[in-house]
């Protein structure tokens, strides 16, 4: 039976840290808040590998979007608020205001990055297409612009919105080292497929 949004959420919630975060974070009033990235999709890979839901999760990513104040101090205040709410969980929770990413991304990764218009825009720009998933803190719905077929099949394709070949290969290789059954699609093939699918 194909993986559904409800199925992915149920798998992610089997990690008690995810369950705690999804219980606590909505009350913090984060604008366009999402729990996102590895803490969600890795639960699916772990289920398919007979591993515990939270196995291999390095951190728990929280995105929000607030362009009313782009200062670091404003973002840090949100980070501290979240950290206070989850301190007892004993895990690394990474909080990022997607309205500010363009201010530091190029300096850190040596590549330009557009100014985003929403938290979903940030999820849209993950290096690997099938990992673009997030749970909306406001209503508990799943955002997955690529669907879930590649995620369940373990097919790692470079995201055409962020065609950074070396970073893609590094991240995909890291995932494959932990889940050896994952399949990495060569970036050239992923680019060609994307180009052909967009041709009228």
N, C-alpha and C. Protein backbone atom coordinates (compact mmCIF):
# COMPACT_ATOMS: atom_id res chain seq x y z
N UNK A 1 0.85 -1.19 0.00
CA UNK A 1 0.00 0.00 0.00
C UNK A 1 0.88 1.25 0.00
N UNK A 2 0.69 2.18 -0.94
CA UNK A 2 1.54 3.36 -1.04
C UNK A 2 1.50 4.21 0.23
N UNK A 3 2.61 4.88 0.49
CA UNK A 3 2.69 5.77 1.63
C UNK A 3 1.78 6.98 1.41
N UNK A 4 0.99 7.31 2.41
CA UNK A 4 0.08 8.46 2.35
C UNK A 4 0.55 9.53 3.33
N UNK A 5 0.06 10.77 3.19
CA UNK A 5 0.40 11.79 4.17
C UNK A 5 0.07 11.36 5.60
N UNK A 6 -1.09 10.76 5.79
CA UNK A 6 -1.46 10.28 7.12
C UNK A 6 -0.48 9.22 7.61
N UNK A 7 -0.08 8.34 6.70
CA UNK A 7 0.87 7.29 7.07
C UNK A 7 2.21 7.85 7.49
N UNK A 8 2.72 8.84 6.75
CA UNK A 8 4.00 9.43 7.11
C UNK A 8 3.91 10.11 8.46
N UNK A 9 2.84 10.85 8.70
CA UNK A 9 2.68 11.53 9.99
C UNK A 9 2.62 10.51 11.12
N UNK A 10 1.90 9.43 10.92
CA UNK A 10 1.80 8.39 11.95
C UNK A 10 3.17 7.77 12.23
N UNK A 11 3.95 7.54 11.18
CA UNK A 11 5.29 6.99 11.38
C UNK A 11 6.17 7.97 12.14
N UNK A 12 6.11 9.25 11.77
CA UNK A 12 6.91 10.26 12.45
C UNK A 12 6.52 10.40 13.91
N UNK A 13 5.24 10.27 14.20
CA UNK A 13 4.76 10.43 15.57
C UNK A 13 5.17 9.27 16.47
N UNK A 14 5.63 8.18 15.89
CA UNK A 14 6.13 7.08 16.69
C UNK A 14 7.46 7.41 17.36
N UNK A 15 8.13 8.45 16.86
CA UNK A 15 9.29 9.00 17.55
C UNK A 15 8.75 9.91 18.65
N UNK A 16 8.96 9.59 19.92
CA UNK A 16 8.38 10.40 21.00
C UNK A 16 8.82 11.85 20.99
N UNK A 17 9.99 12.13 20.42
CA UNK A 17 10.43 13.53 20.34
C UNK A 17 9.55 14.30 19.37
N UNK A 18 9.27 13.72 18.21
CA UNK A 18 8.35 14.36 17.27
C UNK A 18 6.99 14.60 17.91
N UNK A 19 6.49 13.59 18.62
CA UNK A 19 5.19 13.72 19.26
C UNK A 19 5.19 14.87 20.26
N UNK A 20 6.27 14.99 21.03
CA UNK A 20 6.37 16.07 22.01
C UNK A 20 6.45 17.43 21.33
N UNK A 21 7.25 17.52 20.27
CA UNK A 21 7.39 18.79 19.57
C UNK A 21 6.06 19.23 18.95
N UNK A 22 5.35 18.29 18.35
CA UNK A 22 4.08 18.64 17.72
C UNK A 22 3.00 18.95 18.75
N UNK A 23 3.23 18.57 19.98
CA UNK A 23 2.31 18.94 21.06
C UNK A 23 2.63 20.32 21.61
N UNK A 24 3.91 20.65 21.71
CA UNK A 24 4.32 21.89 22.37
C UNK A 24 4.46 23.09 21.43
N UNK A 25 5.00 22.86 20.25
CA UNK A 25 5.33 23.99 19.37
C UNK A 25 4.13 24.82 18.92
N UNK A 26 2.96 24.22 18.65
CA UNK A 26 1.84 25.06 18.20
C UNK A 26 1.47 26.16 19.19
N UNK A 27 1.73 25.96 20.46
CA UNK A 27 1.38 26.96 21.46
C UNK A 27 2.35 28.12 21.54
N UNK A 28 3.44 28.07 20.77
CA UNK A 28 4.44 29.14 20.83
C UNK A 28 4.18 30.25 19.84
N UNK A 29 3.18 30.09 18.99
CA UNK A 29 2.79 31.17 18.08
C UNK A 29 3.78 31.47 16.97
N UNK A 30 4.50 30.47 16.49
CA UNK A 30 5.43 30.69 15.38
C UNK A 30 4.65 30.95 14.10
N UNK A 31 4.99 32.01 13.39
CA UNK A 31 4.30 32.32 12.14
C UNK A 31 4.71 31.32 11.07
N UNK A 32 3.73 30.72 10.43
CA UNK A 32 3.98 29.70 9.39
C UNK A 32 4.94 28.62 9.91
N UNK A 33 4.71 28.16 11.10
CA UNK A 33 5.61 27.18 11.71
C UNK A 33 5.48 25.79 11.11
N UNK A 34 6.62 25.13 10.93
CA UNK A 34 6.67 23.75 10.43
C UNK A 34 7.71 22.95 11.20
N UNK A 35 7.38 21.71 11.50
CA UNK A 35 8.38 20.71 11.86
C UNK A 35 8.75 20.02 10.55
N UNK A 36 10.04 19.91 10.27
CA UNK A 36 10.41 19.53 8.91
C UNK A 36 11.71 18.74 8.86
N UNK A 37 12.00 18.22 7.70
CA UNK A 37 13.27 17.58 7.35
C UNK A 37 13.42 16.18 7.94
N UNK A 38 14.65 15.84 8.32
CA UNK A 38 15.01 14.46 8.62
C UNK A 38 14.20 13.79 9.71
N UNK A 39 13.77 14.54 10.70
CA UNK A 39 13.00 13.91 11.77
C UNK A 39 11.69 13.32 11.26
N UNK A 40 11.25 13.75 10.08
CA UNK A 40 10.03 13.21 9.49
C UNK A 40 10.33 12.10 8.49
N UNK A 41 11.09 12.42 7.44
CA UNK A 41 11.26 11.42 6.38
C UNK A 41 12.13 10.24 6.81
N UNK A 42 13.02 10.46 7.77
CA UNK A 42 13.86 9.35 8.22
C UNK A 42 13.05 8.31 8.99
N UNK A 43 11.91 8.70 9.54
CA UNK A 43 11.04 7.73 10.21
C UNK A 43 10.53 6.69 9.20
N UNK A 44 10.28 7.13 7.98
CA UNK A 44 9.85 6.20 6.93
C UNK A 44 10.99 5.26 6.55
N UNK A 45 12.17 5.81 6.34
CA UNK A 45 13.32 4.95 6.01
C UNK A 45 13.62 3.97 7.14
N UNK A 46 13.45 4.43 8.38
CA UNK A 46 13.70 3.54 9.51
C UNK A 46 12.67 2.41 9.58
N UNK A 47 11.43 2.72 9.28
CA UNK A 47 10.40 1.67 9.27
C UNK A 47 10.75 0.60 8.23
N UNK A 48 11.21 1.06 7.07
CA UNK A 48 11.55 0.13 6.00
C UNK A 48 12.85 -0.62 6.27
N UNK A 49 13.61 -0.15 7.27
CA UNK A 49 14.89 -0.79 7.62
C UNK A 49 14.81 -1.52 8.95
N UNK A 50 13.60 -1.60 9.52
CA UNK A 50 13.41 -2.27 10.82
C UNK A 50 14.25 -1.62 11.92
N UNK A 51 14.30 -0.29 11.90
CA UNK A 51 15.01 0.46 12.92
C UNK A 51 14.00 1.30 13.72
N UNK A 52 14.37 1.74 14.92
CA UNK A 52 13.48 2.60 15.70
C UNK A 52 13.19 3.89 14.93
N UNK A 53 12.02 4.50 15.14
CA UNK A 53 11.62 5.69 14.36
C UNK A 53 12.62 6.84 14.41
N UNK A 54 13.27 7.03 15.55
CA UNK A 54 14.19 8.16 15.68
C UNK A 54 15.64 7.82 15.43
N UNK A 55 15.91 6.59 14.95
CA UNK A 55 17.29 6.20 14.71
C UNK A 55 17.92 7.09 13.64
N UNK A 56 19.16 7.56 13.91
CA UNK A 56 19.90 8.33 12.92
C UNK A 56 19.50 9.79 12.81
N UNK A 57 18.51 10.23 13.56
CA UNK A 57 18.09 11.64 13.49
C UNK A 57 19.10 12.48 14.26
N UNK A 58 19.76 13.39 13.56
CA UNK A 58 20.79 14.22 14.18
C UNK A 58 20.21 15.44 14.87
N UNK A 59 19.15 15.98 14.30
CA UNK A 59 18.50 17.13 14.92
C UNK A 59 17.07 17.24 14.41
N UNK A 60 16.32 18.11 15.04
CA UNK A 60 14.91 18.31 14.71
C UNK A 60 14.76 19.74 14.22
N UNK A 61 14.32 19.89 12.97
CA UNK A 61 14.29 21.20 12.32
C UNK A 61 12.92 21.84 12.41
N UNK A 62 12.93 23.10 12.81
CA UNK A 62 11.71 23.90 12.89
C UNK A 62 11.90 25.14 12.02
N UNK A 63 11.01 25.32 11.06
CA UNK A 63 11.00 26.51 10.21
C UNK A 63 9.84 27.40 10.62
N UNK A 64 10.06 28.70 10.48
CA UNK A 64 8.95 29.65 10.57
C UNK A 64 9.27 30.80 9.63
N UNK A 65 8.33 31.68 9.44
CA UNK A 65 8.53 32.80 8.53
C UNK A 65 7.97 34.07 9.15
N UNK A 66 8.87 35.02 9.43
CA UNK A 66 8.46 36.31 9.99
C UNK A 66 9.34 37.39 9.38
N UNK A 67 8.78 38.11 8.42
CA UNK A 67 9.56 39.16 7.75
C UNK A 67 9.31 40.54 8.36
N UNK A 68 8.68 40.59 9.51
CA UNK A 68 8.42 41.88 10.15
C UNK A 68 9.66 42.43 10.84
N UNK A 69 10.62 41.56 11.15
CA UNK A 69 11.87 41.97 11.79
C UNK A 69 12.94 40.98 11.35
N UNK A 70 13.85 41.42 10.50
CA UNK A 70 14.87 40.53 9.94
C UNK A 70 16.17 40.54 10.73
N UNK A 71 16.15 41.09 11.92
CA UNK A 71 17.36 41.13 12.73
C UNK A 71 17.66 39.76 13.33
N UNK A 72 18.96 39.53 13.60
CA UNK A 72 19.33 38.30 14.28
C UNK A 72 18.74 38.26 15.69
N UNK A 73 18.66 39.41 16.34
CA UNK A 73 18.13 39.44 17.70
C UNK A 73 16.70 38.92 17.75
N UNK A 74 15.90 39.28 16.75
CA UNK A 74 14.51 38.81 16.72
C UNK A 74 14.46 37.30 16.53
N UNK A 75 15.29 36.79 15.61
CA UNK A 75 15.31 35.34 15.40
C UNK A 75 15.82 34.62 16.65
N UNK A 76 16.85 35.17 17.25
CA UNK A 76 17.41 34.53 18.44
C UNK A 76 16.39 34.48 19.58
N UNK A 77 15.55 35.49 19.68
CA UNK A 77 14.52 35.49 20.72
C UNK A 77 13.55 34.32 20.51
N UNK A 78 13.22 34.05 19.25
CA UNK A 78 12.34 32.91 18.95
C UNK A 78 13.07 31.60 19.27
N UNK A 79 14.34 31.53 18.87
CA UNK A 79 15.13 30.32 19.15
C UNK A 79 15.15 30.03 20.65
N UNK A 80 15.39 31.07 21.44
CA UNK A 80 15.46 30.88 22.89
C UNK A 80 14.12 30.45 23.46
N UNK A 81 13.04 30.98 22.90
CA UNK A 81 11.70 30.60 23.37
C UNK A 81 11.43 29.13 23.10
N UNK A 82 11.82 28.69 21.90
CA UNK A 82 11.64 27.28 21.56
C UNK A 82 12.52 26.40 22.45
N UNK A 83 13.78 26.79 22.60
CA UNK A 83 14.70 25.98 23.40
C UNK A 83 14.20 25.81 24.83
N UNK A 84 13.63 26.86 25.38
CA UNK A 84 13.10 26.78 26.74
C UNK A 84 11.95 25.77 26.81
N UNK A 85 11.15 25.73 25.76
CA UNK A 85 9.98 24.85 25.75
C UNK A 85 10.33 23.38 25.55
N UNK A 86 11.52 23.12 24.99
CA UNK A 86 11.87 21.72 24.65
C UNK A 86 13.13 21.24 25.35
N UNK A 87 13.65 22.03 26.27
CA UNK A 87 14.94 21.72 26.88
C UNK A 87 14.99 20.33 27.51
N UNK A 88 13.88 19.89 28.08
CA UNK A 88 13.87 18.60 28.77
C UNK A 88 13.94 17.41 27.83
N UNK A 89 13.76 17.63 26.53
CA UNK A 89 13.77 16.52 25.57
C UNK A 89 15.18 16.00 25.31
N UNK A 90 16.19 16.84 25.58
CA UNK A 90 17.57 16.40 25.44
C UNK A 90 18.02 16.15 24.02
N UNK A 91 17.45 16.88 23.05
CA UNK A 91 17.83 16.74 21.65
C UNK A 91 18.16 18.11 21.07
N UNK A 92 18.80 18.11 19.91
CA UNK A 92 19.10 19.36 19.22
C UNK A 92 17.91 19.77 18.36
N UNK A 93 17.36 20.95 18.64
CA UNK A 93 16.25 21.49 17.85
C UNK A 93 16.76 22.75 17.15
N UNK A 94 16.80 22.71 15.82
CA UNK A 94 17.31 23.82 15.01
C UNK A 94 16.14 24.67 14.52
N UNK A 95 16.14 25.93 14.88
CA UNK A 95 15.05 26.84 14.52
C UNK A 95 15.58 27.88 13.55
N UNK A 96 14.91 28.05 12.42
CA UNK A 96 15.37 29.03 11.43
C UNK A 96 14.20 29.82 10.87
N UNK A 97 14.36 31.14 10.87
CA UNK A 97 13.40 32.04 10.23
C UNK A 97 13.71 32.08 8.74
N UNK A 98 12.82 31.52 7.92
CA UNK A 98 13.07 31.45 6.49
C UNK A 98 13.08 32.81 5.81
N UNK A 99 12.56 33.82 6.48
CA UNK A 99 12.60 35.18 5.93
C UNK A 99 14.01 35.76 5.95
N UNK A 100 14.92 35.15 6.73
CA UNK A 100 16.28 35.67 6.89
C UNK A 100 17.34 34.85 6.16
N UNK A 101 17.00 33.72 5.59
CA UNK A 101 18.02 32.80 5.06
C UNK A 101 18.89 33.48 4.00
N UNK A 102 18.29 34.32 3.17
CA UNK A 102 19.06 34.96 2.10
C UNK A 102 20.16 35.88 2.65
N UNK A 103 20.05 36.27 3.91
CA UNK A 103 21.03 37.18 4.49
C UNK A 103 22.35 36.48 4.83
N UNK A 104 22.32 35.17 5.05
CA UNK A 104 23.54 34.46 5.45
C UNK A 104 23.91 33.28 4.56
N UNK A 105 23.02 32.83 3.71
CA UNK A 105 23.25 31.60 2.96
C UNK A 105 24.47 31.68 2.04
N UNK A 106 24.57 32.75 1.29
CA UNK A 106 25.66 32.85 0.31
C UNK A 106 27.02 32.85 0.99
N UNK A 107 27.14 33.54 2.11
CA UNK A 107 28.41 33.57 2.82
C UNK A 107 28.79 32.18 3.33
N UNK A 108 27.80 31.41 3.75
CA UNK A 108 28.08 30.09 4.32
C UNK A 108 28.30 29.03 3.25
N UNK A 109 27.51 29.08 2.17
CA UNK A 109 27.56 28.01 1.17
C UNK A 109 28.11 28.45 -0.19
N UNK A 110 28.55 29.70 -0.30
CA UNK A 110 29.19 30.20 -1.52
C UNK A 110 28.28 30.12 -2.74
N UNK A 111 27.00 30.30 -2.52
CA UNK A 111 26.04 30.27 -3.62
C UNK A 111 24.90 31.22 -3.29
N UNK A 112 24.43 32.00 -4.27
CA UNK A 112 23.34 32.95 -4.00
C UNK A 112 22.06 32.22 -3.63
N UNK A 113 21.20 32.92 -2.90
CA UNK A 113 19.95 32.33 -2.43
C UNK A 113 18.88 33.40 -2.48
N UNK A 114 17.72 33.11 -3.04
CA UNK A 114 16.70 34.14 -3.19
C UNK A 114 16.04 34.50 -1.86
N UNK A 115 15.49 35.68 -1.81
CA UNK A 115 14.68 36.05 -0.65
C UNK A 115 13.37 35.27 -0.73
N UNK A 116 13.04 34.57 0.31
CA UNK A 116 11.87 33.69 0.29
C UNK A 116 10.61 34.45 0.69
N UNK A 117 9.46 33.87 0.30
CA UNK A 117 8.19 34.50 0.61
C UNK A 117 7.36 33.74 1.62
N UNK A 118 7.84 32.56 2.04
CA UNK A 118 7.08 31.76 3.00
C UNK A 118 7.98 30.67 3.57
N UNK A 119 7.52 30.04 4.63
CA UNK A 119 8.25 28.91 5.19
C UNK A 119 8.27 27.74 4.20
N UNK A 120 7.17 27.58 3.47
CA UNK A 120 7.13 26.50 2.47
C UNK A 120 8.19 26.69 1.40
N UNK A 121 8.50 27.94 1.06
CA UNK A 121 9.57 28.20 0.09
C UNK A 121 10.89 27.60 0.58
N UNK A 122 11.12 27.65 1.88
CA UNK A 122 12.34 27.07 2.43
C UNK A 122 12.37 25.56 2.29
N UNK A 123 11.25 24.92 2.56
CA UNK A 123 11.15 23.47 2.39
C UNK A 123 11.34 23.11 0.92
N UNK A 124 10.80 23.94 0.03
CA UNK A 124 10.92 23.69 -1.41
C UNK A 124 12.37 23.63 -1.88
N UNK A 125 13.29 24.22 -1.12
CA UNK A 125 14.67 24.32 -1.57
C UNK A 125 15.63 23.37 -0.87
N UNK A 126 15.12 22.29 -0.35
CA UNK A 126 16.02 21.25 0.15
C UNK A 126 16.80 20.66 -1.01
N UNK A 127 17.99 20.17 -0.73
CA UNK A 127 18.86 19.65 -1.78
C UNK A 127 18.29 18.42 -2.48
N UNK A 128 17.55 17.59 -1.74
CA UNK A 128 17.05 16.32 -2.27
C UNK A 128 15.54 16.38 -2.36
N UNK A 129 15.01 16.13 -3.54
CA UNK A 129 13.59 16.37 -3.81
C UNK A 129 12.66 15.63 -2.85
N UNK A 130 12.89 14.34 -2.64
CA UNK A 130 11.93 13.56 -1.85
C UNK A 130 11.92 13.93 -0.37
N UNK A 131 12.93 14.69 0.06
CA UNK A 131 12.99 15.07 1.48
C UNK A 131 12.23 16.36 1.77
N UNK A 132 11.57 16.90 0.78
CA UNK A 132 10.85 18.16 0.95
C UNK A 132 9.50 17.89 1.62
N UNK A 133 9.54 17.71 2.90
CA UNK A 133 8.32 17.43 3.67
C UNK A 133 8.32 18.26 4.95
N UNK A 134 7.13 18.63 5.39
CA UNK A 134 6.99 19.37 6.64
C UNK A 134 5.59 19.22 7.18
N UNK A 135 5.46 19.24 8.49
CA UNK A 135 4.15 19.21 9.14
C UNK A 135 3.83 20.61 9.62
N UNK A 136 2.71 21.14 9.15
CA UNK A 136 2.26 22.48 9.51
C UNK A 136 1.84 22.49 10.97
N UNK A 137 2.46 23.35 11.77
CA UNK A 137 2.15 23.39 13.19
C UNK A 137 0.75 23.94 13.46
N UNK A 138 0.20 24.67 12.51
CA UNK A 138 -1.12 25.28 12.72
C UNK A 138 -2.25 24.27 12.62
N UNK A 139 -2.15 23.35 11.66
CA UNK A 139 -3.27 22.43 11.46
C UNK A 139 -2.87 20.96 11.38
N UNK A 140 -1.57 20.68 11.51
CA UNK A 140 -1.12 19.29 11.51
C UNK A 140 -1.09 18.62 10.15
N UNK A 141 -1.28 19.39 9.08
CA UNK A 141 -1.27 18.81 7.73
C UNK A 141 0.16 18.63 7.23
N UNK A 142 0.31 17.73 6.26
CA UNK A 142 1.62 17.46 5.69
C UNK A 142 1.80 18.25 4.41
N UNK A 143 2.95 18.93 4.30
CA UNK A 143 3.34 19.59 3.05
C UNK A 143 4.40 18.72 2.39
N UNK A 144 4.12 18.25 1.19
CA UNK A 144 5.05 17.38 0.46
C UNK A 144 4.89 17.64 -1.03
N UNK A 145 5.56 18.68 -1.56
CA UNK A 145 5.34 19.07 -2.96
C UNK A 145 5.73 18.02 -3.98
N UNK A 146 6.59 17.07 -3.62
CA UNK A 146 6.99 16.02 -4.55
C UNK A 146 6.19 14.74 -4.38
N UNK A 147 5.20 14.76 -3.50
CA UNK A 147 4.53 13.51 -3.20
C UNK A 147 5.42 12.63 -2.34
N UNK A 148 5.05 11.36 -2.20
CA UNK A 148 5.78 10.49 -1.28
C UNK A 148 6.32 9.22 -1.93
N UNK A 149 6.14 9.07 -3.24
CA UNK A 149 6.57 7.84 -3.91
C UNK A 149 8.09 7.65 -3.85
N UNK A 150 8.85 8.69 -4.22
CA UNK A 150 10.31 8.58 -4.18
C UNK A 150 10.81 8.39 -2.76
N UNK A 151 10.18 9.06 -1.81
CA UNK A 151 10.59 8.92 -0.42
C UNK A 151 10.47 7.47 0.03
N UNK A 152 9.33 6.86 -0.25
CA UNK A 152 9.12 5.47 0.17
C UNK A 152 10.03 4.52 -0.60
N UNK A 153 10.31 4.83 -1.85
CA UNK A 153 11.18 3.97 -2.66
C UNK A 153 12.66 4.22 -2.39
N UNK A 154 12.98 5.27 -1.64
CA UNK A 154 14.37 5.57 -1.34
C UNK A 154 15.15 6.11 -2.51
N UNK A 155 14.48 6.87 -3.38
CA UNK A 155 15.13 7.42 -4.57
C UNK A 155 15.50 8.87 -4.31
N UNK A 156 16.80 9.16 -4.34
CA UNK A 156 17.32 10.49 -4.02
C UNK A 156 17.68 11.23 -5.30
N UNK A 157 16.92 12.27 -5.60
CA UNK A 157 17.16 13.08 -6.79
C UNK A 157 17.55 14.49 -6.36
N UNK A 158 18.44 15.11 -7.13
CA UNK A 158 18.80 16.49 -6.85
C UNK A 158 17.61 17.40 -7.15
N UNK A 159 17.35 18.32 -6.27
CA UNK A 159 16.25 19.27 -6.44
C UNK A 159 16.62 20.30 -7.50
N UNK A 160 15.87 20.40 -8.59
CA UNK A 160 16.22 21.37 -9.64
C UNK A 160 16.14 22.82 -9.17
N UNK A 161 15.44 23.08 -8.07
CA UNK A 161 15.39 24.44 -7.54
C UNK A 161 16.68 24.81 -6.82
N UNK A 162 17.49 23.82 -6.47
CA UNK A 162 18.76 24.07 -5.78
C UNK A 162 19.81 23.12 -6.37
N UNK A 163 20.23 23.38 -7.61
CA UNK A 163 21.12 22.45 -8.32
C UNK A 163 22.58 22.59 -7.89
N UNK A 164 22.86 22.18 -6.66
CA UNK A 164 24.21 22.27 -6.11
C UNK A 164 24.78 20.85 -6.04
N UNK A 165 25.46 20.46 -7.10
CA UNK A 165 25.85 19.07 -7.32
C UNK A 165 26.67 18.49 -6.17
N UNK A 166 27.71 19.20 -5.76
CA UNK A 166 28.61 18.64 -4.75
C UNK A 166 27.90 18.50 -3.40
N UNK A 167 27.13 19.51 -3.03
CA UNK A 167 26.40 19.43 -1.76
C UNK A 167 25.36 18.32 -1.81
N UNK A 168 24.69 18.18 -2.96
CA UNK A 168 23.72 17.09 -3.11
C UNK A 168 24.38 15.73 -2.92
N UNK A 169 25.50 15.51 -3.61
CA UNK A 169 26.18 14.22 -3.53
C UNK A 169 26.68 13.93 -2.12
N UNK A 170 27.13 14.97 -1.44
CA UNK A 170 27.61 14.79 -0.06
C UNK A 170 26.46 14.38 0.86
N UNK A 171 25.35 15.09 0.76
CA UNK A 171 24.21 14.78 1.63
C UNK A 171 23.61 13.43 1.27
N UNK A 172 23.43 13.17 -0.02
CA UNK A 172 22.87 11.89 -0.44
C UNK A 172 23.78 10.73 -0.01
N UNK A 173 25.07 10.94 -0.11
CA UNK A 173 26.01 9.90 0.31
C UNK A 173 25.95 9.65 1.81
N UNK A 174 25.74 10.70 2.57
CA UNK A 174 25.59 10.56 4.02
C UNK A 174 24.35 9.73 4.35
N UNK A 175 23.26 10.02 3.65
CA UNK A 175 22.04 9.23 3.88
C UNK A 175 22.26 7.77 3.48
N UNK A 176 22.90 7.56 2.34
CA UNK A 176 23.09 6.19 1.86
C UNK A 176 24.00 5.39 2.80
N UNK A 177 24.93 6.07 3.45
CA UNK A 177 25.80 5.38 4.41
C UNK A 177 25.00 4.85 5.59
N UNK A 178 23.93 5.55 5.95
CA UNK A 178 23.09 5.11 7.08
C UNK A 178 21.98 4.16 6.64
N UNK A 179 21.49 4.35 5.43
CA UNK A 179 20.43 3.49 4.88
C UNK A 179 20.92 2.99 3.52
N UNK A 180 21.72 1.93 3.49
CA UNK A 180 22.41 1.51 2.26
C UNK A 180 21.51 1.19 1.08
N UNK A 181 20.25 0.91 1.32
CA UNK A 181 19.35 0.56 0.22
C UNK A 181 18.87 1.77 -0.58
N UNK A 182 19.14 2.98 -0.09
CA UNK A 182 18.75 4.18 -0.84
C UNK A 182 19.47 4.22 -2.18
N UNK A 183 18.80 4.79 -3.19
CA UNK A 183 19.35 4.89 -4.54
C UNK A 183 19.58 6.36 -4.89
N UNK A 184 20.80 6.69 -5.27
CA UNK A 184 21.14 8.06 -5.64
C UNK A 184 21.05 8.20 -7.16
N UNK A 185 20.20 9.10 -7.62
CA UNK A 185 20.09 9.38 -9.05
C UNK A 185 21.18 10.38 -9.40
N UNK A 186 22.07 10.08 -10.36
CA UNK A 186 23.12 11.03 -10.73
C UNK A 186 22.53 12.39 -11.07
N UNK A 187 23.13 13.48 -10.59
CA UNK A 187 22.56 14.81 -10.83
C UNK A 187 22.28 15.10 -12.29
N UNK A 188 23.14 14.61 -13.19
CA UNK A 188 22.93 14.86 -14.61
C UNK A 188 21.62 14.24 -15.08
N UNK A 189 21.31 13.04 -14.59
CA UNK A 189 20.07 12.37 -14.97
C UNK A 189 18.87 13.09 -14.40
N UNK A 190 19.00 13.57 -13.16
CA UNK A 190 17.89 14.28 -12.53
C UNK A 190 17.60 15.57 -13.28
N UNK A 191 18.66 16.27 -13.71
CA UNK A 191 18.49 17.52 -14.44
C UNK A 191 17.83 17.27 -15.79
N UNK A 192 18.26 16.21 -16.47
CA UNK A 192 17.70 15.89 -17.78
C UNK A 192 16.22 15.53 -17.67
N UNK A 193 15.87 14.77 -16.63
CA UNK A 193 14.48 14.38 -16.42
C UNK A 193 13.61 15.59 -16.16
N UNK A 194 14.12 16.52 -15.34
CA UNK A 194 13.38 17.73 -15.03
C UNK A 194 13.16 18.57 -16.28
N UNK A 195 14.20 18.67 -17.12
CA UNK A 195 14.10 19.48 -18.33
C UNK A 195 13.09 18.89 -19.30
N UNK A 196 13.11 17.55 -19.45
CA UNK A 196 12.20 16.92 -20.40
C UNK A 196 10.76 17.01 -19.93
N UNK A 197 10.54 16.93 -18.61
CA UNK A 197 9.17 16.99 -18.10
C UNK A 197 8.57 18.37 -18.21
N UNK A 198 9.44 19.40 -18.32
CA UNK A 198 8.93 20.77 -18.43
C UNK A 198 8.76 21.21 -19.87
N UNK A 199 9.15 20.33 -20.82
CA UNK A 199 9.02 20.68 -22.23
C UNK A 199 7.60 20.42 -22.71
N UNK A 200 6.95 21.40 -23.35
CA UNK A 200 5.56 21.21 -23.82
C UNK A 200 5.46 20.08 -24.83
